[in-house]
Amino acid sequence: MSELRDDKLTRVMFCGPYFPASHNYTREYVAHLPYIQIDVVPLNDVPDVIGNYHICVVKSRRLDSEVIAKAIQLKIIMQFGVGLEGVDVDAATRHGIKVARIPGKMTGNSLACAEMAIYLILGLLRKQKEMEAAVRTKKLGEPTGDTLFGKIVFILGFGDIGVDLAKRLRPFGAKIIATKRRWAMKDCRKDETDELVDERGGPDERFDFASKADIVVTCLTLDTETAGIVDSKFISSMKKGALLVNVARGGLLDYKAVLDSLESGQLGGLGSDVAWTEPFEPNDPILGFPNVIFTPHVAGVTEYSYRSMAKVVGDVAVQLHTGAQITGLEFVN
């Protein structure tokens, strides 16, 4: 990446108004640096102004090849987190633009998502919506909930979030099974994280693992291989009445399969921090089920994780401005 002259601004564009803590904390972090400019650009305006910026923080904005071609000064496209499914990485590479994510393990993002998974699991087990209704109608001692103790939890995708989730599930007395791409290799050696699970397997074993689980938690990265991976075949392989929790990306779940399985009772409940389209339509029929809990994509949105990620963005802007080596990011190209 070429060095920028010290007498020029290094301009950082945050795409869209959602996840406001991302740009607010970054502005706070670089407030004392007059050569760093942080702008929040409306989503529809991004294609028109992207050519004025050196760093683009995409958040929920898709950057296709047409938009990237207009980014004549851009050096880095980055995510305030880990998901980069909306970025045309090949197009960015052709234009000499680096694409990167902020590793969740180093910022507290993965542990925050793991905590949210547990929140959703407990909310489903204890029947959160029914408890709220009981309070409104002055009922005591109902509904009858369930406990996490002794449950089999299937972590679908044992990356940073999956590892942090397993660590936090252990004290609840749950049995943990998990799948991971690397574990599909027959000669794959165990490491220290493998000891967190009671049974491990590769992607091809996901149906077998789903049939054993009381709770399935999706922690996968969304890509061409995983899009819609939780489909009708997967859900039908689950125990009748098992719970499904998603703290990764909405596109991992096939919408119709989820809706049909909630209507039939095959799914005992759905807890999700992400949706198929975001913001999610509040009148969507899935939200009307009493055994469904949705949160507004806030699993990783904690002050700790967002201030940690804001520091990474601010440091990268300074490094880019001064021509120093870029650190703190995980580049994908």
Protein backbone atom coordinates (compact mmCIF):
# COMPACT_ATOMS: atom_id res chain seq x y z
CA MET A 1 0.00 0.00 0.00
CA SER A 2 1.38 3.39 -0.99
CA GLU A 3 2.26 6.00 1.60
CA LEU A 4 0.08 9.09 1.99
CA ARG A 5 1.70 12.49 2.49
CA ASP A 6 1.59 13.64 6.11
CA ASP A 7 0.03 16.99 5.20
CA LYS A 8 -3.10 15.36 3.83
CA LEU A 9 -6.12 14.00 5.61
CA THR A 10 -6.65 10.28 5.82
CA ARG A 11 -10.37 9.86 5.28
CA VAL A 12 -12.33 6.99 6.79
CA MET A 13 -15.87 6.26 5.59
CA PHE A 14 -18.36 4.33 7.70
CA CYS A 15 -21.18 3.03 5.52
CA GLY A 16 -24.63 3.88 6.82
CA PRO A 17 -26.13 4.93 10.16
CA TYR A 18 -26.61 1.47 11.67
CA PHE A 19 -24.36 0.24 14.50
CA PRO A 20 -23.75 3.87 15.58
CA ALA A 21 -21.33 2.95 18.36
CA SER A 22 -18.85 1.89 15.68
CA HIS A 23 -18.30 5.37 14.29
CA ASN A 24 -19.00 7.20 17.55
CA TYR A 25 -16.28 5.33 19.45
CA THR A 26 -13.86 5.64 16.52
CA ARG A 27 -14.39 9.40 16.43
CA GLU A 28 -13.70 9.56 20.16
CA TYR A 29 -10.52 7.54 19.76
CA VAL A 30 -9.05 9.76 17.02
CA ALA A 31 -10.47 13.08 18.25
CA HIS A 32 -6.98 14.34 19.07
CA LEU A 33 -5.64 13.54 15.59
CA PRO A 34 -6.52 16.36 13.16
CA TYR A 35 -5.24 14.42 10.17
CA ILE A 36 -7.84 11.62 10.54
CA GLN A 37 -11.34 12.37 9.26
CA ILE A 38 -14.24 10.06 10.16
CA ASP A 39 -17.42 10.39 8.09
CA VAL A 40 -20.72 8.52 8.23
CA VAL A 41 -22.12 8.24 4.70
CA PRO A 42 -25.74 7.29 3.95
CA LEU A 43 -25.92 3.87 2.33
CA ASN A 44 -27.30 5.14 -0.96
CA ASP A 45 -24.59 7.82 -1.21
CA VAL A 46 -21.67 5.43 -0.89
CA PRO A 47 -21.15 4.86 -4.65
CA ASP A 48 -21.07 8.60 -5.30
CA VAL A 49 -18.45 9.51 -2.71
CA ILE A 50 -16.34 6.38 -2.19
CA GLY A 51 -13.66 7.85 -4.46
CA ASN A 52 -12.88 10.46 -1.78
CA TYR A 53 -11.86 7.97 0.90
CA HIS A 54 -8.82 5.92 1.86
CA ILE A 55 -10.50 3.47 4.24
CA CYS A 56 -14.02 2.08 3.93
CA VAL A 57 -15.71 0.39 6.89
CA VAL A 58 -18.53 -1.48 5.21
CA LYS A 59 -20.72 -2.57 8.16
CA SER A 60 -23.91 -3.75 6.40
CA ARG A 61 -23.25 -2.12 2.99
CA ARG A 62 -22.56 -4.40 0.01
CA LEU A 63 -19.60 -3.37 -2.14
CA ASP A 64 -19.83 -4.91 -5.60
CA SER A 65 -17.38 -4.55 -8.48
CA GLU A 66 -19.16 -1.47 -9.85
CA VAL A 67 -18.85 0.44 -6.58
CA ILE A 68 -15.29 -0.73 -5.98
CA ALA A 69 -14.26 0.53 -9.43
CA LYS A 70 -15.11 4.07 -8.25
CA ALA A 71 -12.83 3.80 -5.19
CA ILE A 72 -9.86 5.47 -6.83
CA GLN A 73 -8.07 6.40 -3.57
CA LEU A 74 -9.18 3.48 -1.43
CA LYS A 75 -6.46 1.42 0.24
CA ILE A 76 -8.44 -0.75 2.66
CA ILE A 77 -11.96 -2.15 2.83
CA MET A 78 -12.63 -3.46 6.30
CA GLN A 79 -15.44 -4.81 8.41
CA PHE A 80 -16.17 -3.61 11.93
CA GLY A 81 -16.17 -7.25 12.93
CA VAL A 82 -15.65 -10.41 10.90
CA GLY A 83 -18.32 -10.83 8.19
CA LEU A 84 -17.13 -9.90 4.68
CA GLU A 85 -19.73 -11.72 2.58
CA GLY A 86 -20.95 -8.44 1.06
CA VAL A 87 -17.58 -7.44 -0.38
CA ASP A 88 -16.43 -8.48 -3.86
CA VAL A 89 -12.94 -9.47 -2.77
CA ASP A 90 -11.82 -10.37 -6.29
CA ALA A 91 -12.80 -6.93 -7.59
CA ALA A 92 -10.98 -5.25 -4.71
CA THR A 93 -7.87 -7.31 -5.42
CA ARG A 94 -7.94 -6.30 -9.10
CA HIS A 95 -8.00 -2.65 -8.03
CA GLY A 96 -5.16 -3.06 -5.55
CA ILE A 97 -7.38 -2.65 -2.49
CA LYS A 98 -6.78 -4.76 0.59
CA VAL A 99 -9.79 -6.37 2.28
CA ALA A 100 -9.70 -7.21 5.98
CA ARG A 101 -11.71 -8.12 9.03
CA ILE A 102 -11.04 -7.34 12.67
CA PRO A 103 -10.38 -10.67 14.41
CA GLY A 104 -13.11 -11.26 16.96
CA LYS A 105 -10.86 -13.05 19.40
CA MET A 106 -8.65 -10.04 20.05
CA THR A 107 -11.45 -7.50 20.59
CA GLY A 108 -13.97 -9.36 22.71
CA ASN A 109 -16.40 -9.64 19.79
CA SER A 110 -16.44 -13.43 19.81
CA LEU A 111 -17.02 -13.70 23.56
CA ALA A 112 -19.83 -11.14 23.31
CA CYS A 113 -21.49 -13.25 20.60
CA ALA A 114 -21.05 -16.34 22.76
CA GLU A 115 -22.75 -14.58 25.66
CA MET A 116 -25.64 -13.62 23.36
CA ALA A 117 -26.00 -17.24 22.27
CA ILE A 118 -26.39 -18.25 25.91
CA TYR A 119 -28.87 -15.42 26.47
CA LEU A 120 -31.00 -16.67 23.56
CA ILE A 121 -30.73 -20.31 24.68
CA LEU A 122 -31.88 -19.45 28.19
CA GLY A 123 -34.63 -17.19 26.85
CA LEU A 124 -36.01 -20.05 24.76
CA LEU A 125 -35.66 -22.64 27.51
CA ARG A 126 -37.40 -20.40 30.06
CA LYS A 127 -40.02 -19.27 27.50
CA GLN A 128 -39.29 -15.56 27.58
CA LYS A 129 -42.34 -14.39 25.64
CA GLU A 130 -44.67 -16.47 27.78
CA MET A 131 -43.06 -15.08 30.95
CA GLU A 132 -43.65 -11.54 29.70
CA ALA A 133 -47.29 -12.42 29.04
CA ALA A 134 -47.59 -13.91 32.53
CA VAL A 135 -46.34 -10.67 34.09
CA ARG A 136 -48.87 -8.66 32.10
CA THR A 137 -51.74 -10.95 33.18
CA LYS A 138 -50.59 -11.21 36.83
CA LYS A 139 -49.93 -14.94 36.73
CA LEU A 140 -47.43 -16.57 39.08
CA GLY A 141 -45.50 -19.81 38.71
CA GLU A 142 -45.94 -20.19 34.96
CA PRO A 143 -44.81 -20.98 32.35
CA THR A 144 -42.89 -24.12 33.20
CA GLY A 145 -39.48 -23.68 31.63
CA ASP A 146 -36.54 -25.98 31.11
CA THR A 147 -32.92 -26.07 32.19
CA LEU A 148 -29.69 -26.04 30.23
CA PHE A 149 -28.23 -28.63 32.57
CA GLY A 150 -27.79 -31.97 30.83
CA LYS A 151 -28.71 -30.67 27.39
CA ILE A 152 -26.72 -31.60 24.28
CA VAL A 153 -25.64 -28.46 22.43
CA PHE A 154 -24.44 -28.76 18.84
CA ILE A 155 -22.13 -25.89 17.85
CA LEU A 156 -22.25 -25.71 14.06
CA GLY A 157 -18.92 -24.06 13.23
CA PHE A 158 -16.23 -24.23 15.89
CA GLY A 159 -14.35 -21.00 15.24
CA ASP A 160 -13.66 -18.19 17.70
CA ILE A 161 -17.32 -17.76 18.66
CA GLY A 162 -17.82 -21.51 18.96
CA VAL A 163 -14.78 -21.86 21.20
CA ASP A 164 -15.90 -19.00 23.47
CA LEU A 165 -19.39 -20.48 23.58
CA ALA A 166 -18.10 -23.91 24.57
CA LYS A 167 -16.05 -22.38 27.40
CA ARG A 168 -19.15 -20.70 28.78
CA LEU A 169 -21.46 -23.68 28.34
CA ARG A 170 -19.26 -26.01 30.38
CA PRO A 171 -20.29 -24.59 33.79
CA PHE A 172 -23.96 -25.16 32.90
CA GLY A 173 -23.40 -28.91 32.74
CA ALA A 174 -24.23 -29.18 29.05
CA LYS A 175 -22.75 -31.77 26.72
CA ILE A 176 -21.06 -30.10 23.75
CA ILE A 177 -20.71 -31.53 20.26
CA ALA A 178 -19.31 -29.52 17.36
CA THR A 179 -18.32 -29.59 13.70
CA LYS A 180 -15.48 -27.78 12.01
CA ARG A 181 -14.12 -27.92 8.47
CA ARG A 182 -10.63 -28.83 9.67
CA TRP A 183 -11.99 -31.80 11.59
CA ALA A 184 -13.03 -33.44 8.32
CA MET A 185 -9.36 -34.37 7.82
CA LYS A 186 -8.68 -37.88 9.09
CA ASP A 187 -5.15 -37.06 10.21
CA CYS A 188 -6.17 -33.82 11.93
CA ARG A 189 -4.50 -33.57 15.31
CA LYS A 190 -6.29 -32.24 18.35
CA ASP A 191 -5.38 -28.92 19.91
CA GLU A 192 -6.28 -27.29 23.22
CA THR A 193 -9.69 -26.09 21.96
CA ASP A 194 -10.71 -29.60 20.95
CA GLU A 195 -10.80 -30.58 24.60
CA LEU A 196 -13.78 -28.28 25.06
CA VAL A 197 -16.06 -30.61 23.12
CA ASP A 198 -17.34 -34.06 23.96
CA GLU A 199 -17.59 -35.10 20.32
CA ARG A 200 -16.19 -33.49 17.19
CA GLY A 201 -16.74 -33.99 13.48
CA GLY A 202 -16.51 -32.49 10.01
CA PRO A 203 -19.25 -30.77 7.98
CA ASP A 204 -20.51 -34.06 6.53
CA GLU A 205 -21.47 -35.20 10.02
CA ARG A 206 -23.75 -32.26 10.69
CA PHE A 207 -26.96 -34.23 10.11
CA ASP A 208 -25.89 -36.95 12.55
CA PHE A 209 -24.94 -34.35 15.14
CA ALA A 210 -28.21 -32.46 14.60
CA SER A 211 -30.16 -35.65 15.35
CA LYS A 212 -28.49 -35.88 18.76
CA ALA A 213 -28.80 -32.27 19.86
CA ASP A 214 -31.37 -30.54 22.04
CA ILE A 215 -30.03 -27.17 20.90
CA VAL A 216 -28.25 -26.22 17.68
CA VAL A 217 -26.20 -22.99 17.58
CA THR A 218 -24.96 -21.71 14.21
CA CYS A 219 -21.58 -19.99 14.40
CA LEU A 220 -20.49 -20.33 10.76
CA THR A 221 -19.10 -17.75 8.39
CA LEU A 222 -21.52 -17.04 5.55
CA ASP A 223 -20.14 -17.97 2.13
CA THR A 224 -21.20 -19.90 -0.97
CA GLU A 225 -20.78 -23.21 0.85
CA THR A 226 -22.72 -22.29 3.98
CA ALA A 227 -25.55 -20.12 2.59
CA GLY A 228 -28.84 -21.83 3.46
CA ILE A 229 -27.02 -24.71 5.17
CA VAL A 230 -29.79 -24.94 7.78
CA ASP A 231 -32.42 -26.06 5.28
CA SER A 232 -35.40 -28.39 5.42
CA LYS A 233 -33.16 -31.47 5.29
CA PHE A 234 -31.08 -30.22 8.21
CA ILE A 235 -34.07 -29.19 10.33
CA SER A 236 -35.87 -32.48 9.66
CA SER A 237 -32.78 -34.29 10.92
CA MET A 238 -33.05 -32.45 14.25
CA LYS A 239 -34.96 -33.85 17.21
CA LYS A 240 -38.60 -32.80 17.11
CA GLY A 241 -38.90 -29.82 19.44
CA ALA A 242 -35.17 -28.98 19.46
CA LEU A 243 -34.11 -25.36 19.63
CA LEU A 244 -32.22 -23.39 16.97
CA VAL A 245 -30.05 -20.38 17.81
CA ASN A 246 -28.24 -18.17 15.29
CA VAL A 247 -25.59 -15.60 16.23
CA ALA A 248 -23.76 -15.55 12.89
CA ARG A 249 -25.61 -14.50 9.70
CA GLY A 250 -29.25 -14.71 8.70
CA GLY A 251 -28.40 -16.24 5.33
CA LEU A 252 -27.23 -19.46 7.00
CA LEU A 253 -30.88 -20.35 7.58
CA ASP A 254 -33.33 -21.14 4.80
CA TYR A 255 -36.29 -18.85 5.54
CA LYS A 256 -39.07 -21.12 4.26
CA ALA A 257 -37.63 -24.15 6.01
CA VAL A 258 -37.57 -22.27 9.31
CA LEU A 259 -41.10 -20.91 8.89
CA ASP A 260 -42.51 -24.31 7.92
CA SER A 261 -40.77 -26.07 10.81
CA LEU A 262 -42.08 -23.53 13.33
CA GLU A 263 -45.61 -24.02 11.99
CA SER A 264 -45.32 -27.81 12.13
CA GLY A 265 -43.70 -27.90 15.57
CA GLN A 266 -40.56 -29.61 14.28
CA LEU A 267 -38.62 -26.65 15.68
CA GLY A 268 -39.24 -26.11 19.36
CA GLY A 269 -38.03 -22.55 19.18
CA LEU A 270 -35.84 -20.06 17.32
CA GLY A 271 -33.52 -17.49 18.86
CA SER A 272 -31.64 -15.27 16.45
CA ASP A 273 -29.61 -12.08 16.57
CA VAL A 274 -29.54 -11.82 12.77
CA ALA A 275 -32.14 -11.93 10.01
CA TRP A 276 -32.51 -12.63 6.32
CA THR A 277 -32.93 -8.93 5.59
CA GLU A 278 -31.82 -6.27 8.02
CA PRO A 279 -33.41 -4.41 9.63
CA PHE A 280 -35.91 -7.24 9.92
CA GLU A 281 -39.53 -6.58 8.96
CA PRO A 282 -41.40 -6.27 12.30
CA ASN A 283 -44.55 -7.77 10.79
CA ASP A 284 -42.79 -10.87 9.49
CA PRO A 285 -44.83 -13.96 10.43
CA ILE A 286 -41.84 -15.63 12.07
CA LEU A 287 -41.84 -12.96 14.77
CA GLY A 288 -45.41 -13.85 15.71
CA PHE A 289 -44.56 -17.25 17.15
CA PRO A 290 -44.45 -17.37 20.96
CA ASN A 291 -41.31 -19.54 20.84
CA VAL A 292 -39.27 -17.09 18.74
CA ILE A 293 -36.86 -14.49 20.11
CA PHE A 294 -35.11 -11.98 17.87
CA THR A 295 -32.55 -9.35 18.83
CA PRO A 296 -31.44 -6.50 16.49
CA HIS A 297 -27.95 -7.72 15.48
CA VAL A 298 -26.42 -6.70 18.80
CA ALA A 299 -24.56 -9.89 19.77
CA GLY A 300 -21.17 -8.27 19.30
CA VAL A 301 -22.32 -4.77 20.21
CA THR A 302 -20.91 -4.20 23.67
CA GLU A 303 -18.96 -1.20 24.87
CA TYR A 304 -15.92 -3.40 25.44
CA SER A 305 -15.90 -4.98 21.99
CA TYR A 306 -16.81 -1.82 20.10
CA ARG A 307 -14.23 0.34 21.84
CA SER A 308 -11.66 -2.37 21.13
CA MET A 309 -12.60 -2.43 17.45
CA ALA A 310 -12.67 1.38 17.27
CA LYS A 311 -9.09 1.38 18.51
CA VAL A 312 -8.12 -0.98 15.69
CA VAL A 313 -9.75 1.26 13.07
CA GLY A 314 -8.10 4.36 14.52
CA ASP A 315 -4.70 2.71 14.68
CA VAL A 316 -5.01 1.46 11.10
CA ALA A 317 -5.87 4.98 9.92
CA VAL A 318 -2.76 6.34 11.64
CA GLN A 319 -0.59 3.56 10.21
CA LEU A 320 -1.92 4.20 6.73
CA HIS A 321 -1.36 7.94 7.07
CA THR A 322 2.24 7.56 8.23
CA GLY A 323 3.13 4.68 5.93
CA ALA A 324 3.71 2.28 8.83
CA GLN A 325 3.03 -1.43 8.58
CA ILE A 326 -0.66 -2.21 9.00
CA THR A 327 -1.34 -4.32 12.09
CA GLY A 328 -4.42 -5.50 13.93
CA LEU A 329 -6.31 -6.71 10.86
CA GLU A 330 -6.81 -10.11 9.26
CA PHE A 331 -6.43 -9.63 5.51
CA VAL A 332 -8.28 -11.93 3.14
CA ASN A 333 -6.48 -10.97 -0.07
